[in-house]
Amino acid sequence: MLRVKQVCGSLRLQVFSLWSSRIIAIALIIFSGLSCARVSATAGTKQSLLPEVAAVQGQVALSLAVRHLPPNLIPQLSGEENAIFTGNPCLDQPGYRTAPNGCAFGSLHAKATLDLVGDSFAEMWIPTFHALGLKYNFRVIAFARYGCVNASLVIINWLRTVDPGCAPWRQNVIHEIQMQSPPPSMIAFAQFHPAFFIRPTNADGRALTAAQWNTGLAKTFDQFRKMSAIKVLVVGTPWAQSDPAVCLSTHLTSVQACTTPVGAAYIAGQDAADAGVARAHGVQPIDVTRLFCSKGQCPDVVAGLLTHANQIHMNTYYATYLAPAMGQLLGCAGLVSLSAPQNLLAEKFLASLQGVATRSACAASGVA
């Protein structure tokens, strides 16, 4: 049974709303003391037929011509507080604690639920799913632990140590999701690959092979096979070659100097490999590369927003800006899911397409 904590203390979430692809201005809403109750570049930059995805793509392409950092972004260059929820009690830390600390966002009293599972790469997507939950009336339960990947493995983490609580925590999360009543409508996985920081290594000190990584992912995904929920894996979030707080602050009139080439933003072939494992084990991959990169470049400033708060984590503001596009991608994932053909949550997402030839639009966006 899911154990939930009712209050997240003084947690602050800064949320943007941008639901029209033609609106560039962004309204800032600050939720102070949010209530809580205890989701390699494989896609190209071909223009999507999904209107909200296409709108973001257009802004990414335009951003490659930006030279000056917008003055309103200069205060954000301190970075970390805009990355993920700094000091967030909902994010489990490495250590001996194994009980999941699931926190709820979105529409807290809704019956439909989307579970977001992973490490800090799952955590950074909370603003996206929170905004979607408010719009489409579903609850988001986030299970996130720093450095604890979804793959069922015991490995050296980004701290260059073994998190003793990671493996049992992961298994406890799986059990809690399996026991949720009513069961979740969607489950979204996201994770950071340790090869960005260190040579992937097993707990015994031996190098982690691609086969071991794939087997670990498959083992986790297979434990959700019998659930009717739509299951997705978010891939394609790029690494920034330099910390925006450092690079942009010294290139206020030449921001393209901080743009990261696609070749440096991803581990070659990793996202494609993870996507292949996901498909083979009942999980639909959602590649968000096109929401960050265009023409082989991944800019730090898009639509007047910072895309990154540090080298690996997305800026909170940009995460919320991506909500409409992510909603349509989730709808496409539901369209092709064999396990949940009548999923009402996916139908809500797809309703925003307003007459677009849905299946062809999804296929052209690399989801169907």
Protein backbone atom coordinates (compact mmCIF):
# COMPACT_ATOMS: atom_id res chain seq x y z
CA MET A 1 0.00 0.00 0.00
CA LEU A 2 1.35 3.42 -0.93
CA ARG A 3 2.50 5.41 2.09
CA VAL A 4 2.18 9.11 1.52
CA LYS A 5 3.45 12.18 3.27
CA GLN A 6 0.93 15.00 3.28
CA VAL A 7 3.18 18.07 3.35
CA CYS A 8 6.48 18.89 1.63
CA GLY A 9 7.33 21.65 4.10
CA SER A 10 8.61 24.81 2.48
CA LEU A 11 9.24 23.20 -0.89
CA ARG A 12 8.85 25.78 -3.65
CA LEU A 13 8.04 24.89 -7.23
CA GLN A 14 8.18 27.59 -9.85
CA VAL A 15 5.80 26.64 -12.63
CA PHE A 16 5.18 28.10 -16.01
CA SER A 17 2.09 27.66 -18.12
CA LEU A 18 2.44 27.68 -21.88
CA TRP A 19 -0.44 25.88 -23.58
CA SER A 20 -0.61 27.68 -26.90
CA SER A 21 2.12 27.05 -29.43
CA ARG A 22 1.76 30.63 -30.60
CA ILE A 23 2.29 32.23 -27.19
CA ILE A 24 5.86 33.06 -26.32
CA ALA A 25 5.22 35.04 -23.17
CA ILE A 26 5.29 32.91 -20.04
CA ALA A 27 3.25 33.40 -16.93
CA LEU A 28 5.07 32.56 -13.72
CA ILE A 29 3.17 30.87 -10.97
CA ILE A 30 4.94 30.13 -7.70
CA PHE A 31 3.54 27.36 -5.56
CA SER A 32 5.00 28.03 -2.13
CA GLY A 33 4.76 25.12 0.31
CA LEU A 34 3.46 22.66 -2.30
CA SER A 35 1.19 20.02 -0.82
CA CYS A 36 2.57 16.53 -1.20
CA ALA A 37 1.16 13.10 -0.76
CA ARG A 38 3.93 10.60 0.33
CA VAL A 39 9.34 10.44 -15.92
CA SER A 40 22.23 9.27 -27.33
CA ALA A 41 20.06 11.11 -29.68
CA THR A 42 17.93 8.54 -31.43
CA ALA A 43 15.50 11.01 -32.98
CA GLY A 44 16.50 13.41 -35.68
CA THR A 45 15.39 16.99 -35.93
CA LYS A 46 12.71 16.40 -38.57
CA GLN A 47 9.78 18.71 -37.93
CA SER A 48 7.10 17.02 -35.86
CA LEU A 49 3.45 16.95 -36.90
CA LEU A 50 2.49 17.21 -33.25
CA PRO A 51 1.75 20.94 -32.86
CA GLU A 52 3.18 21.45 -29.37
CA VAL A 53 6.31 19.46 -30.21
CA ALA A 54 6.70 21.43 -33.44
CA ALA A 55 6.35 24.68 -31.50
CA VAL A 56 9.26 23.75 -29.23
CA GLN A 57 11.31 22.58 -32.21
CA GLY A 58 10.76 25.94 -33.83
CA GLN A 59 11.99 27.74 -30.74
CA VAL A 60 15.06 25.50 -30.50
CA ALA A 61 15.93 26.26 -34.13
CA LEU A 62 15.45 30.01 -33.63
CA SER A 63 17.63 29.88 -30.54
CA LEU A 64 20.68 29.00 -32.62
CA ALA A 65 20.67 32.59 -33.87
CA VAL A 66 20.53 34.15 -30.39
CA ARG A 67 23.66 36.10 -29.51
CA HIS A 68 22.86 37.99 -26.30
CA LEU A 69 21.71 36.42 -23.04
CA PRO A 70 18.29 37.87 -22.13
CA PRO A 71 18.83 40.16 -19.10
CA ASN A 72 16.11 38.40 -17.10
CA LEU A 73 18.16 35.18 -17.19
CA ILE A 74 21.27 36.62 -15.59
CA PRO A 75 19.94 36.13 -12.02
CA GLN A 76 19.30 32.46 -12.84
CA LEU A 77 22.94 31.78 -13.59
CA SER A 78 23.49 30.83 -9.95
CA GLY A 79 22.02 27.63 -11.27
CA GLU A 80 21.43 24.94 -8.72
CA GLU A 81 18.22 26.24 -7.18
CA ASN A 82 16.68 26.15 -10.65
CA ALA A 83 17.86 22.64 -11.43
CA ILE A 84 15.68 20.35 -9.35
CA PHE A 85 14.10 20.77 -5.95
CA THR A 86 17.11 21.71 -3.86
CA GLY A 87 16.73 20.24 -0.39
CA ASN A 88 13.60 18.43 -1.51
CA PRO A 89 12.49 15.89 1.11
CA CYS A 90 10.79 13.93 -1.68
CA LEU A 91 14.14 12.99 -3.21
CA ASP A 92 15.77 10.04 -1.46
CA GLN A 93 19.50 10.32 -0.84
CA PRO A 94 22.11 7.55 -1.01
CA GLY A 95 22.44 5.66 2.24
CA TYR A 96 20.83 2.86 4.18
CA ARG A 97 17.21 4.02 3.94
CA THR A 98 15.22 1.63 1.74
CA ALA A 99 11.61 2.76 2.24
CA PRO A 100 10.38 4.77 -0.77
CA ASN A 101 9.51 8.39 -0.05
CA GLY A 102 6.94 8.84 -2.81
CA CYS A 103 5.59 12.37 -3.13
CA ALA A 104 2.48 13.44 -5.02
CA PHE A 105 2.10 16.36 -7.40
CA GLY A 106 -0.40 17.41 -10.03
CA SER A 107 -4.06 17.07 -9.08
CA LEU A 108 -3.64 15.51 -5.64
CA HIS A 109 -7.17 14.11 -5.29
CA ALA A 110 -7.55 12.76 -8.82
CA LYS A 111 -8.25 9.06 -9.34
CA ALA A 112 -5.91 8.68 -12.32
CA THR A 113 -2.23 8.35 -11.40
CA LEU A 114 1.07 8.62 -13.26
CA ASP A 115 4.10 7.20 -11.46
CA LEU A 116 7.49 8.78 -12.18
CA VAL A 117 10.42 6.51 -11.33
CA GLY A 118 14.19 6.87 -11.40
CA ASP A 119 17.09 8.95 -10.14
CA SER A 120 17.57 12.74 -10.29
CA PHE A 121 16.79 12.55 -14.02
CA ALA A 122 13.28 11.51 -13.04
CA GLU A 123 13.18 14.21 -10.38
CA MET A 124 13.96 16.98 -12.86
CA TRP A 125 10.86 16.08 -14.91
CA ILE A 126 8.51 16.66 -11.96
CA PRO A 127 7.62 20.23 -13.05
CA THR A 128 6.62 18.86 -16.47
CA PHE A 129 4.37 16.16 -15.09
CA HIS A 130 3.05 18.41 -12.33
CA ALA A 131 1.82 20.92 -14.92
CA LEU A 132 0.24 18.13 -16.97
CA GLY A 133 -1.42 16.68 -13.89
CA LEU A 134 -3.04 20.02 -13.08
CA LYS A 135 -4.27 20.47 -16.65
CA TYR A 136 -5.54 16.93 -17.24
CA ASN A 137 -6.60 16.08 -13.68
CA PHE A 138 -4.27 13.27 -12.68
CA ARG A 139 -1.97 12.71 -9.74
CA VAL A 140 1.78 12.31 -10.15
CA ILE A 141 3.63 10.11 -7.66
CA ALA A 142 7.40 10.61 -7.86
CA PHE A 143 9.79 7.91 -6.68
CA ALA A 144 13.30 9.31 -7.08
CA ARG A 145 16.66 8.57 -5.49
CA TYR A 146 19.94 10.28 -6.33
CA GLY A 147 22.20 8.03 -8.38
CA CYS A 148 19.88 5.01 -8.20
CA VAL A 149 19.26 3.96 -11.79
CA ASN A 150 16.26 1.95 -12.94
CA ALA A 151 18.40 -0.96 -14.11
CA SER A 152 18.40 -3.77 -11.56
CA LEU A 153 22.11 -3.57 -10.83
CA VAL A 154 24.45 -2.79 -7.96
CA ILE A 155 27.00 -0.39 -9.40
CA ILE A 156 29.44 2.34 -8.44
CA ASN A 157 27.37 5.53 -8.55
CA TRP A 158 28.24 9.13 -9.41
CA LEU A 159 29.71 9.57 -5.90
CA ARG A 160 32.10 6.74 -6.78
CA THR A 161 30.66 4.58 -4.03
CA VAL A 162 28.00 1.89 -3.78
CA ASP A 163 24.67 3.10 -2.42
CA PRO A 164 23.75 0.24 -0.04
CA GLY A 165 20.06 1.14 -0.04
CA CYS A 166 19.60 1.55 -3.78
CA ALA A 167 18.75 -2.03 -4.79
CA PRO A 168 16.27 -2.71 -1.96
CA TRP A 169 14.76 0.77 -2.42
CA ARG A 170 14.22 0.07 -6.11
CA GLN A 171 12.54 -3.24 -5.34
CA ASN A 172 10.33 -1.60 -2.73
CA VAL A 173 9.26 1.03 -5.26
CA ILE A 174 8.30 -1.69 -7.72
CA HIS A 175 6.27 -3.43 -5.01
CA GLU A 176 4.47 -0.22 -4.00
CA ILE A 177 3.53 0.53 -7.60
CA GLN A 178 2.29 -3.03 -8.10
CA MET A 179 0.10 -2.65 -5.00
CA GLN A 180 -1.38 0.76 -5.84
CA SER A 181 -5.17 0.85 -5.82
CA PRO A 182 -6.47 1.90 -8.22
CA PRO A 183 -3.48 0.92 -10.35
CA PRO A 184 -1.60 3.69 -12.15
CA SER A 185 -2.65 4.75 -15.64
CA MET A 186 0.95 5.45 -16.66
CA ILE A 187 4.46 4.74 -15.41
CA ALA A 188 7.30 6.95 -16.64
CA PHE A 189 10.95 5.97 -16.19
CA ALA A 190 13.94 8.30 -16.52
CA GLN A 191 17.56 7.86 -15.53
CA PHE A 192 21.10 9.14 -15.94
CA HIS A 193 23.74 6.82 -17.36
CA PRO A 194 26.82 6.70 -15.08
CA ALA A 195 29.19 6.67 -18.07
CA PHE A 196 28.82 10.44 -18.29
CA PHE A 197 30.87 10.75 -15.10
CA ILE A 198 32.89 7.61 -14.60
CA ARG A 199 33.68 4.29 -16.24
CA PRO A 200 30.56 2.20 -15.47
CA THR A 201 31.64 -0.28 -12.83
CA ASN A 202 29.99 -3.10 -10.95
CA ALA A 203 30.14 -3.15 -7.16
CA ASP A 204 32.96 -5.72 -7.37
CA GLY A 205 35.13 -3.26 -9.29
CA ARG A 206 34.76 -4.94 -12.66
CA ALA A 207 33.71 -2.94 -15.70
CA LEU A 208 29.97 -2.87 -16.35
CA THR A 209 29.27 -4.34 -19.78
CA ALA A 210 26.53 -3.25 -22.15
CA ALA A 211 24.98 -6.70 -21.84
CA GLN A 212 24.82 -6.38 -18.05
CA TRP A 213 23.24 -2.92 -18.30
CA ASN A 214 20.65 -4.18 -20.80
CA THR A 215 19.87 -7.20 -18.66
CA GLY A 216 19.42 -4.96 -15.62
CA LEU A 217 16.98 -2.70 -17.47
CA ALA A 218 15.05 -5.67 -18.82
CA LYS A 219 14.76 -7.20 -15.34
CA THR A 220 13.19 -4.02 -13.99
CA PHE A 221 10.83 -3.51 -16.93
CA ASP A 222 9.70 -7.14 -16.84
CA GLN A 223 8.38 -6.70 -13.31
CA PHE A 224 5.78 -4.29 -14.71
CA ARG A 225 4.74 -6.43 -17.70
CA LYS A 226 1.50 -7.68 -16.17
CA MET A 227 0.32 -4.18 -15.27
CA SER A 228 -2.15 -2.54 -17.64
CA ALA A 229 -0.54 0.88 -17.25
CA ILE A 230 1.11 2.55 -20.21
CA LYS A 231 4.84 2.41 -19.56
CA VAL A 232 7.32 4.89 -21.05
CA LEU A 233 11.06 5.53 -20.85
CA VAL A 234 12.18 9.14 -21.37
CA VAL A 235 15.47 9.31 -23.28
CA GLY A 236 17.31 12.08 -25.08
CA THR A 237 18.02 14.70 -22.40
CA PRO A 238 21.40 16.17 -23.39
CA TRP A 239 24.49 16.83 -21.32
CA ALA A 240 25.78 20.42 -21.44
CA GLN A 241 29.49 20.59 -22.24
CA SER A 242 29.96 23.36 -19.68
CA ASP A 243 28.12 24.58 -16.61
CA PRO A 244 25.80 27.41 -17.76
CA ALA A 245 26.56 29.36 -14.58
CA VAL A 246 30.18 29.49 -15.67
CA CYS A 247 29.98 29.62 -19.45
CA LEU A 248 27.04 31.98 -20.00
CA SER A 249 28.21 34.41 -17.34
CA THR A 250 31.40 34.92 -19.35
CA HIS A 251 29.64 34.98 -22.74
CA LEU A 252 26.73 37.34 -22.16
CA THR A 253 26.96 38.62 -25.74
CA SER A 254 28.05 35.39 -27.42
CA VAL A 255 25.86 32.67 -25.93
CA GLN A 256 26.44 30.30 -28.85
CA ALA A 257 29.92 29.74 -27.46
CA CYS A 258 28.16 27.68 -24.78
CA THR A 259 26.08 25.60 -27.20
CA THR A 260 26.84 21.87 -27.03
CA PRO A 261 27.28 19.84 -30.24
CA VAL A 262 25.07 16.75 -30.37
CA GLY A 263 28.17 14.58 -30.51
CA ALA A 264 29.24 15.85 -27.08
CA ALA A 265 25.73 15.91 -25.58
CA TYR A 266 25.07 12.17 -25.65
CA ILE A 267 26.81 8.85 -25.11
CA ALA A 268 26.97 7.48 -28.64
CA GLY A 269 24.28 4.87 -29.16
CA GLN A 270 23.23 4.63 -25.50
CA ASP A 271 19.74 6.08 -25.84
CA ALA A 272 19.07 3.94 -28.90
CA ALA A 273 20.19 0.84 -27.00
CA ASP A 274 18.02 1.70 -23.99
CA ALA A 275 15.07 2.37 -26.29
CA GLY A 276 15.53 -1.03 -27.90
CA VAL A 277 15.52 -2.79 -24.54
CA ALA A 278 12.45 -0.83 -23.50
CA ARG A 279 10.45 -1.77 -26.61
CA ALA A 280 11.39 -5.41 -26.23
CA HIS A 281 10.07 -5.44 -22.66
CA GLY A 282 6.77 -3.59 -22.94
CA VAL A 283 7.97 -0.02 -22.40
CA GLN A 284 7.52 2.69 -25.04
CA PRO A 285 10.54 5.01 -25.40
CA ILE A 286 9.93 8.76 -25.72
CA ASP A 287 12.89 10.55 -27.28
CA VAL A 288 13.02 14.23 -26.28
CA THR A 289 16.15 15.09 -28.28
CA ARG A 290 14.19 17.37 -30.63
CA LEU A 291 13.00 19.39 -27.63
CA PHE A 292 16.61 20.39 -26.88
CA CYS A 293 18.64 20.16 -30.07
CA SER A 294 18.44 21.28 -33.71
CA LYS A 295 20.83 21.06 -36.66
CA GLY A 296 23.36 19.15 -34.59
CA GLN A 297 23.47 21.74 -31.80
CA CYS A 298 21.93 21.86 -28.31
CA PRO A 299 21.66 25.51 -27.17
CA ASP A 300 21.64 26.65 -23.55
CA VAL A 301 18.92 29.25 -24.18
CA VAL A 302 15.59 28.37 -25.82
CA ALA A 303 12.44 30.51 -25.94
CA GLY A 304 14.00 32.95 -23.52
CA LEU A 305 14.70 30.20 -20.99
CA LEU A 306 17.78 28.38 -19.78
CA THR A 307 17.59 24.72 -20.77
CA HIS A 308 20.08 23.60 -18.12
CA ALA A 309 20.70 24.59 -14.53
CA ASN A 310 23.92 22.59 -14.44
CA GLN A 311 25.68 20.27 -16.83
CA ILE A 312 23.33 17.35 -16.43
CA HIS A 313 20.01 18.63 -15.04
CA MET A 314 17.28 20.52 -16.82
CA ASN A 315 16.25 23.95 -15.60
CA THR A 316 12.98 23.89 -13.67
CA TYR A 317 11.49 26.63 -15.85
CA TYR A 318 12.34 24.81 -19.07
CA ALA A 319 10.93 21.57 -17.69
CA THR A 320 7.56 23.23 -17.22
CA TYR A 321 7.75 24.90 -20.63
CA LEU A 322 8.01 21.41 -22.17
CA ALA A 323 4.79 20.17 -20.54
CA PRO A 324 2.45 20.64 -23.57
CA ALA A 325 4.90 18.88 -25.89
CA MET A 326 5.46 16.06 -23.41
CA GLY A 327 1.70 15.64 -23.06
CA GLN A 328 1.33 14.97 -26.77
CA LEU A 329 4.28 12.56 -26.75
CA LEU A 330 2.71 10.68 -23.84
CA GLY A 331 -0.53 10.50 -25.78
CA CYS A 332 1.31 8.97 -28.70
CA ALA A 333 2.91 6.42 -26.39
CA GLY A 334 -0.56 5.47 -25.20
CA LEU A 335 -1.74 5.12 -28.79
CA VAL A 336 0.84 2.45 -29.56
CA SER A 337 0.70 0.69 -26.19
CA LEU A 338 -0.74 -2.79 -26.52
CA SER A 339 -1.31 -3.11 -22.78
CA ALA A 340 -3.74 -0.22 -22.38
CA PRO A 341 -5.77 0.40 -25.56
CA GLN A 342 -8.54 2.24 -23.65
CA ASN A 343 -6.36 4.36 -21.40
CA LEU A 344 -8.38 7.49 -20.61
CA LEU A 345 -5.30 9.47 -19.59
CA ALA A 346 -3.68 8.94 -22.99
CA GLU A 347 -6.93 9.98 -24.65
CA LYS A 348 -6.86 13.26 -22.72
CA PHE A 349 -3.33 13.97 -23.96
CA LEU A 350 -4.25 13.17 -27.56
CA ALA A 351 -7.34 15.37 -27.44
CA SER A 352 -5.00 18.37 -27.66
CA LEU A 353 -4.14 17.40 -31.24
CA GLN A 354 -7.47 18.88 -32.41
CA GLY A 355 -8.01 17.06 -35.66
CA VAL A 356 -4.41 16.27 -36.59
CA ALA A 357 -4.10 12.82 -38.18
CA THR A 358 -3.05 11.32 -34.87
CA ARG A 359 -1.32 8.08 -35.78
CA SER A 360 0.67 9.60 -38.63
CA ALA A 361 1.62 12.58 -36.45
CA CYS A 362 2.85 10.25 -33.73
CA ALA A 363 4.77 8.11 -36.23
CA ALA A 364 6.45 11.17 -37.71
CA SER A 365 7.50 12.21 -34.21
CA GLY A 366 9.24 8.90 -33.64
CA VAL A 367 6.83 7.59 -31.03
CA ALA A 368 4.46 5.35 -32.98
